Amino acid sequence: MYLFTRTRTAHPGHFMTAMTFATEITATARAVSGVEIHAWISVMSPSAGDIVWTAWFDTLADWEVATDKLGADAAYNSAVEKSDGLFTGPVIDQMASLLSPLPEGEPDATYVSVVTAVAANGQIGAAVQFGLAMAETATKLGGLNTSFAMATTGPYGGVMWFTGAPTIAAMDAAANAFNSDPAFLQLVDSGGNLFQNGATQTTYRRIV
């Protein structure tokens, strides 16, 4: 399974209009592509104003079908082009391959915490095994599902952990459980040599 993300940064002078556009274009993209697409906004994070659209695909061929539908829809593309002034910087697309299973029957997340890192040279295999162990341990400790994925595009050797929460209170409780557990912190420290410097953590709130 693959997670596709598209990121744009809202222009500070048009933030609310960009949020409205994100809601409207998500509904249009869902209708045209037939894919369950969500939009998120970064919160409490250095990358303030990032709006991210996400969609899951079983195969890359499924992504191609959905993308071709959107590319052929004149109304969708016209709306995207007219909105360009609401954002700053480039469109950033990325695909990641899910390596740990998603739980069935879990309610939609309102918040998601995403940790990204890049494996050190010669350590990709070990970094993946460590990442899976981290995801499993975090899930048991925090009571929320933490999934692990590896970048299909973007930085080679890139990995990500993402933890979804139904409320910010649930996210807070899970974070407290992680950070107060000595064994978990030791596990985190044990993987330090497996990754390059510069791991990041970002929190997103779902718009739609």
Protein backbone atom coordinates (compact mmCIF):
# COMPACT_ATOMS: atom_id res chain seq x y z
CA MET A 1 0.00 0.00 0.00
CA TYR A 2 1.18 3.51 -0.82
CA LEU A 3 0.59 6.91 0.76
CA PHE A 4 0.60 9.83 -1.68
CA THR A 5 1.00 13.35 -0.31
CA ARG A 6 0.85 16.75 -2.01
CA THR A 7 2.03 19.75 0.00
CA ARG A 8 1.63 23.48 -0.56
CA THR A 9 2.32 26.34 1.84
CA ALA A 10 -0.50 28.84 2.32
CA HIS A 11 0.42 32.47 1.65
CA PRO A 12 0.33 34.32 5.01
CA GLY A 13 -1.81 37.04 3.46
CA HIS A 14 -4.38 34.59 2.10
CA PHE A 15 -4.44 31.93 4.81
CA MET A 16 -8.20 31.63 5.35
CA THR A 17 -8.92 31.73 1.62
CA ALA A 18 -6.36 28.97 1.10
CA MET A 19 -8.08 26.90 3.80
CA THR A 20 -11.44 27.36 2.07
CA PHE A 21 -9.90 26.37 -1.24
CA ALA A 22 -8.37 23.26 0.35
CA THR A 23 -11.80 22.12 1.49
CA GLU A 24 -13.45 22.81 -1.85
CA ILE A 25 -10.75 21.26 -4.05
CA THR A 26 -10.66 18.15 -1.86
CA ALA A 27 -14.37 17.59 -2.45
CA THR A 28 -13.88 18.12 -6.20
CA ALA A 29 -10.89 15.76 -6.35
CA ARG A 30 -12.82 13.07 -4.48
CA ALA A 31 -15.73 13.32 -6.89
CA VAL A 32 -13.54 13.25 -10.00
CA SER A 33 -11.08 10.55 -8.94
CA GLY A 34 -13.31 8.35 -6.80
CA VAL A 35 -10.53 8.29 -4.18
CA GLU A 36 -10.88 9.12 -0.48
CA ILE A 37 -8.67 12.21 -0.21
CA HIS A 38 -8.05 14.19 2.98
CA ALA A 39 -6.58 17.64 3.56
CA TRP A 40 -4.49 18.58 6.59
CA ILE A 41 -2.89 21.75 7.99
CA SER A 42 0.36 21.78 9.97
CA VAL A 43 -0.04 23.00 13.56
CA MET A 44 2.37 23.56 16.46
CA SER A 45 5.20 22.95 13.98
CA PRO A 46 8.02 24.91 12.33
CA SER A 47 6.50 24.40 8.87
CA ALA A 48 3.52 26.62 9.68
CA GLY A 49 0.87 26.94 6.99
CA ASP A 50 1.65 23.71 5.16
CA ILE A 51 -1.51 22.19 3.66
CA VAL A 52 -1.13 18.51 2.80
CA TRP A 53 -3.48 16.38 0.72
CA THR A 54 -3.23 12.63 1.34
CA ALA A 55 -4.59 9.52 -0.35
CA TRP A 56 -3.95 5.79 -0.02
CA PHE A 57 -3.44 3.52 -3.04
CA ASP A 58 -3.06 -0.24 -3.17
CA THR A 59 -0.72 -0.01 -6.18
CA LEU A 60 1.08 2.66 -8.19
CA ALA A 61 -1.18 1.75 -11.10
CA ASP A 62 -4.17 2.83 -8.98
CA TRP A 63 -2.45 6.17 -8.40
CA GLU A 64 -1.95 6.53 -12.15
CA VAL A 65 -5.65 5.93 -12.87
CA ALA A 66 -6.74 8.53 -10.31
CA THR A 67 -4.15 11.07 -11.49
CA ASP A 68 -5.18 10.65 -15.12
CA LYS A 69 -8.81 11.30 -14.19
CA LEU A 70 -7.84 14.53 -12.45
CA GLY A 71 -5.56 15.56 -15.30
CA ALA A 72 -8.38 15.17 -17.79
CA ASP A 73 -10.93 17.20 -15.80
CA ALA A 74 -11.01 20.79 -17.04
CA ALA A 75 -12.95 22.21 -14.10
CA TYR A 76 -10.58 20.70 -11.55
CA ASN A 77 -7.48 21.97 -13.33
CA SER A 78 -8.96 25.43 -13.83
CA ALA A 79 -9.67 25.70 -10.09
CA VAL A 80 -6.12 24.61 -9.24
CA GLU A 81 -4.57 27.13 -11.63
CA LYS A 82 -6.69 30.02 -10.33
CA SER A 83 -5.66 29.24 -6.74
CA ASP A 84 -1.92 29.54 -7.31
CA GLY A 85 -1.75 33.01 -5.73
CA LEU A 86 -3.03 31.60 -2.45
CA PHE A 87 0.22 29.70 -1.92
CA THR A 88 3.96 30.26 -1.79
CA GLY A 89 6.74 27.98 -2.98
CA PRO A 90 6.53 24.83 -5.10
CA VAL A 91 4.09 21.94 -5.16
CA ILE A 92 5.78 19.06 -3.32
CA ASP A 93 4.60 15.54 -4.13
CA GLN A 94 5.84 12.43 -2.38
CA MET A 95 5.00 8.73 -2.37
CA ALA A 96 5.74 6.37 0.51
CA SER A 97 5.36 2.61 0.80
CA LEU A 98 3.63 1.36 3.96
CA LEU A 99 5.69 -1.32 5.69
CA SER A 100 3.46 -1.90 8.74
CA PRO A 101 -0.24 -2.73 8.49
CA LEU A 102 -2.97 -0.18 9.05
CA PRO A 103 -5.54 -1.28 11.66
CA GLU A 104 -9.01 -2.07 10.41
CA GLY A 105 -12.04 -0.34 11.87
CA GLU A 106 -10.07 2.52 13.45
CA PRO A 107 -11.90 5.88 13.46
CA ASP A 108 -10.60 8.66 11.23
CA ALA A 109 -7.83 10.65 12.83
CA THR A 110 -8.33 14.33 13.57
CA TYR A 111 -4.65 14.83 14.32
CA VAL A 112 -1.57 13.01 13.08
CA SER A 113 2.01 13.28 14.30
CA VAL A 114 4.63 12.53 11.65
CA VAL A 115 8.31 11.84 12.33
CA THR A 116 10.61 11.75 9.31
CA ALA A 117 14.24 10.65 9.07
CA VAL A 118 16.75 9.48 6.46
CA ALA A 119 18.77 6.31 6.90
CA ALA A 120 22.54 6.67 7.08
CA ASN A 121 24.64 5.31 4.23
CA GLY A 122 24.95 1.56 4.53
CA GLN A 123 22.27 1.35 7.21
CA ILE A 124 19.00 1.18 5.26
CA GLY A 125 18.23 -2.44 6.17
CA ALA A 126 18.95 -1.92 9.85
CA ALA A 127 17.04 1.38 9.84
CA VAL A 128 13.94 -0.33 8.44
CA GLN A 129 14.07 -3.08 11.07
CA PHE A 130 14.52 -0.45 13.77
CA GLY A 131 11.63 1.58 12.34
CA LEU A 132 9.27 -1.37 12.47
CA ALA A 133 10.27 -2.10 16.07
CA MET A 134 9.72 1.54 16.99
CA ALA A 135 6.25 1.55 15.43
CA GLU A 136 5.24 -1.63 17.23
CA THR A 137 6.52 -0.38 20.59
CA ALA A 138 4.93 3.05 20.21
CA THR A 139 1.58 1.44 19.39
CA LYS A 140 1.68 -0.70 22.52
CA LEU A 141 2.77 2.13 24.80
CA GLY A 142 0.64 4.99 23.51
CA GLY A 143 -2.57 3.12 22.75
CA LEU A 144 -2.72 4.74 19.30
CA ASN A 145 -1.62 3.07 16.09
CA THR A 146 1.81 4.13 14.89
CA SER A 147 2.55 3.08 11.30
CA PHE A 148 5.91 2.98 9.53
CA ALA A 149 6.60 3.74 5.88
CA MET A 150 9.58 4.14 3.55
CA ALA A 151 9.92 6.82 0.90
CA THR A 152 9.30 5.71 -2.67
CA THR A 153 10.19 9.20 -3.86
CA GLY A 154 12.00 12.03 -2.11
CA PRO A 155 15.19 11.47 -0.09
CA TYR A 156 16.62 8.02 -0.77
CA GLY A 157 16.39 6.00 2.42
CA GLY A 158 13.72 8.32 3.82
CA VAL A 159 11.39 6.82 6.41
CA MET A 160 8.42 8.07 8.38
CA TRP A 161 6.39 7.14 11.43
CA PHE A 162 2.87 8.52 11.72
CA THR A 163 0.51 8.30 14.67
CA GLY A 164 -3.12 9.26 14.21
CA ALA A 165 -5.31 10.44 17.09
CA PRO A 166 -9.08 11.08 17.27
CA THR A 167 -8.55 14.09 19.57
CA ILE A 168 -5.68 16.29 20.66
CA ALA A 169 -6.17 14.96 24.21
CA ALA A 170 -5.54 11.43 22.95
CA MET A 171 -2.41 12.60 21.14
CA ASP A 172 -1.20 14.33 24.30
CA ALA A 173 -1.74 11.18 26.38
CA ALA A 174 0.13 9.02 23.88
CA ALA A 175 3.09 11.44 23.77
CA ASN A 176 3.27 11.46 27.57
CA ALA A 177 3.31 7.66 27.58
CA PHE A 178 6.21 7.59 25.10
CA ASN A 179 8.30 10.24 26.80
CA SER A 180 7.92 8.88 30.32
CA ASP A 181 8.93 5.33 29.50
CA PRO A 182 12.69 4.74 30.04
CA ALA A 183 12.73 1.60 27.87
CA PHE A 184 11.20 3.48 24.94
CA LEU A 185 13.71 6.31 25.25
CA GLN A 186 16.53 3.76 25.33
CA LEU A 187 15.13 2.21 22.16
CA VAL A 188 15.09 5.63 20.48
CA ASP A 189 18.71 6.26 21.52
CA SER A 190 19.82 2.84 20.27
CA GLY A 191 18.91 3.80 16.70
CA GLY A 192 20.84 7.06 16.63
CA ASN A 193 23.68 5.75 14.43
CA LEU A 194 21.23 4.36 11.86
CA PHE A 195 20.04 7.76 10.62
CA GLN A 196 21.43 11.00 9.27
CA ASN A 197 21.19 14.15 11.37
CA GLY A 198 18.05 16.24 11.00
CA ALA A 199 15.04 14.07 11.89
CA THR A 200 11.86 16.17 12.07
CA GLN A 201 8.49 15.93 13.83
CA THR A 202 5.36 17.67 12.54
CA THR A 203 1.75 17.65 13.74
CA TYR A 204 -1.17 18.04 11.34
CA ARG A 205 -4.84 18.73 11.96
CA ARG A 206 -7.38 17.42 9.50
CA ILE A 207 -9.26 20.06 7.51
CA VAL A 208 -11.57 17.66 5.67
